Amino acid sequence: MKAFLAAAAAMVVIAFAAPAVLNQIGFSAADTTSGPAVRLD
C-alpha cells in the first residue's frame, strides 16, 4: 500500500510540475512549432 501511495503522490507532483518546467526550458508548443521564418501579416 505504501508503494501505491508513493506512486500516486509522485504522479500528482509530476503532473503539476511538468508544464511549468517545460515552459521554463523552452519546450512549450509555441516554442517548438514556430521559428524565425514565421510571417505575421
N, C-alpha and C. Protein backbone atom coordinates (compact mmCIF):
# COMPACT_ATOMS: atom_id res chain seq x y z
N MET A 1 0.82 -1.20 0.00
CA MET A 1 0.00 0.00 0.00
C MET A 1 0.87 1.26 0.00
N LYS A 2 2.01 1.20 0.69
CA LYS A 2 2.89 2.37 0.72
C LYS A 2 3.42 2.70 -0.68
N ALA A 3 3.75 1.67 -1.45
CA ALA A 3 4.28 1.90 -2.79
C ALA A 3 3.22 2.55 -3.68
N PHE A 4 1.98 2.12 -3.55
CA PHE A 4 0.90 2.71 -4.34
C PHE A 4 0.71 4.18 -3.99
N LEU A 5 0.70 4.51 -2.72
CA LEU A 5 0.53 5.91 -2.31
C LEU A 5 1.71 6.77 -2.74
N ALA A 6 2.91 6.22 -2.67
CA ALA A 6 4.08 6.97 -3.12
C ALA A 6 4.02 7.21 -4.63
N ALA A 7 3.58 6.21 -5.38
CA ALA A 7 3.46 6.37 -6.83
C ALA A 7 2.38 7.39 -7.17
N ALA A 8 1.26 7.35 -6.46
CA ALA A 8 0.19 8.31 -6.72
C ALA A 8 0.65 9.73 -6.39
N ALA A 9 1.39 9.90 -5.30
CA ALA A 9 1.90 11.22 -4.94
C ALA A 9 2.90 11.71 -5.98
N ALA A 10 3.77 10.83 -6.45
CA ALA A 10 4.74 11.21 -7.48
C ALA A 10 4.04 11.60 -8.77
N MET A 11 2.97 10.89 -9.11
CA MET A 11 2.22 11.20 -10.32
C MET A 11 1.59 12.59 -10.24
N VAL A 12 1.06 12.94 -9.08
CA VAL A 12 0.45 14.26 -8.90
C VAL A 12 1.51 15.36 -9.00
N VAL A 13 2.64 15.14 -8.36
CA VAL A 13 3.71 16.14 -8.39
C VAL A 13 4.22 16.34 -9.81
N ILE A 14 4.43 15.27 -10.54
CA ILE A 14 4.92 15.37 -11.91
C ILE A 14 3.89 16.04 -12.81
N ALA A 15 2.62 15.69 -12.64
CA ALA A 15 1.56 16.27 -13.48
C ALA A 15 1.45 17.78 -13.30
N PHE A 16 1.66 18.27 -12.09
CA PHE A 16 1.55 19.71 -11.86
C PHE A 16 2.85 20.45 -12.13
N ALA A 17 3.98 19.80 -11.98
CA ALA A 17 5.27 20.47 -12.17
C ALA A 17 5.74 20.46 -13.62
N ALA A 18 5.35 19.47 -14.40
CA ALA A 18 5.87 19.32 -15.75
C ALA A 18 5.58 20.52 -16.65
N PRO A 19 4.36 21.04 -16.72
CA PRO A 19 4.14 22.19 -17.62
C PRO A 19 5.00 23.40 -17.28
N ALA A 20 5.16 23.68 -16.01
CA ALA A 20 5.97 24.84 -15.62
C ALA A 20 7.43 24.63 -15.99
N VAL A 21 7.94 23.45 -15.74
CA VAL A 21 9.35 23.16 -16.06
C VAL A 21 9.57 23.18 -17.57
N LEU A 22 8.67 22.58 -18.33
CA LEU A 22 8.84 22.54 -19.78
C LEU A 22 8.76 23.94 -20.39
N ASN A 23 7.87 24.78 -19.90
CA ASN A 23 7.82 26.16 -20.39
C ASN A 23 9.09 26.91 -20.05
N GLN A 24 9.64 26.66 -18.90
CA GLN A 24 10.85 27.36 -18.45
C GLN A 24 12.05 27.02 -19.33
N ILE A 25 12.16 25.77 -19.79
CA ILE A 25 13.33 25.38 -20.57
C ILE A 25 13.09 25.45 -22.07
N GLY A 26 11.91 25.93 -22.50
CA GLY A 26 11.68 26.18 -23.92
C GLY A 26 11.06 25.04 -24.69
N PHE A 27 10.36 24.15 -24.03
CA PHE A 27 9.71 23.05 -24.73
C PHE A 27 8.20 23.23 -24.80
N SER A 28 7.72 24.46 -24.84
CA SER A 28 6.28 24.68 -24.98
C SER A 28 5.89 24.46 -26.44
N ALA A 29 4.62 24.28 -26.69
CA ALA A 29 4.14 24.05 -28.06
C ALA A 29 4.44 25.25 -28.94
N ALA A 30 4.31 26.44 -28.41
CA ALA A 30 4.59 27.64 -29.20
C ALA A 30 6.06 27.73 -29.58
N ASP A 31 6.94 27.34 -28.69
CA ASP A 31 8.38 27.41 -28.98
C ASP A 31 8.82 26.35 -29.97
N THR A 32 8.23 25.16 -29.90
CA THR A 32 8.69 24.08 -30.77
C THR A 32 8.10 24.15 -32.18
N THR A 33 6.93 24.79 -32.35
CA THR A 33 6.30 24.81 -33.67
C THR A 33 6.50 26.10 -34.43
N SER A 34 7.15 27.08 -33.84
CA SER A 34 7.39 28.33 -34.56
C SER A 34 8.89 28.58 -34.67
N GLY A 35 9.23 29.38 -35.63
CA GLY A 35 10.62 29.71 -35.84
C GLY A 35 10.78 31.13 -36.30
N PRO A 36 11.99 31.52 -36.67
CA PRO A 36 12.22 32.90 -37.09
C PRO A 36 11.61 33.20 -38.47
N ALA A 37 11.23 32.19 -39.25
CA ALA A 37 10.72 32.42 -40.59
C ALA A 37 9.19 32.48 -40.62
N VAL A 38 8.55 32.75 -39.51
CA VAL A 38 7.10 32.82 -39.46
C VAL A 38 6.66 34.21 -39.87
N ARG A 39 5.71 34.28 -40.81
CA ARG A 39 5.19 35.57 -41.26
C ARG A 39 4.03 35.98 -40.40
N LEU A 40 4.06 37.18 -39.91
CA LEU A 40 2.97 37.72 -39.11
C LEU A 40 2.35 38.89 -39.87
N ASP A 41 1.38 38.58 -40.71
CA ASP A 41 0.71 39.63 -41.52
C ASP A 41 -0.51 40.15 -40.83
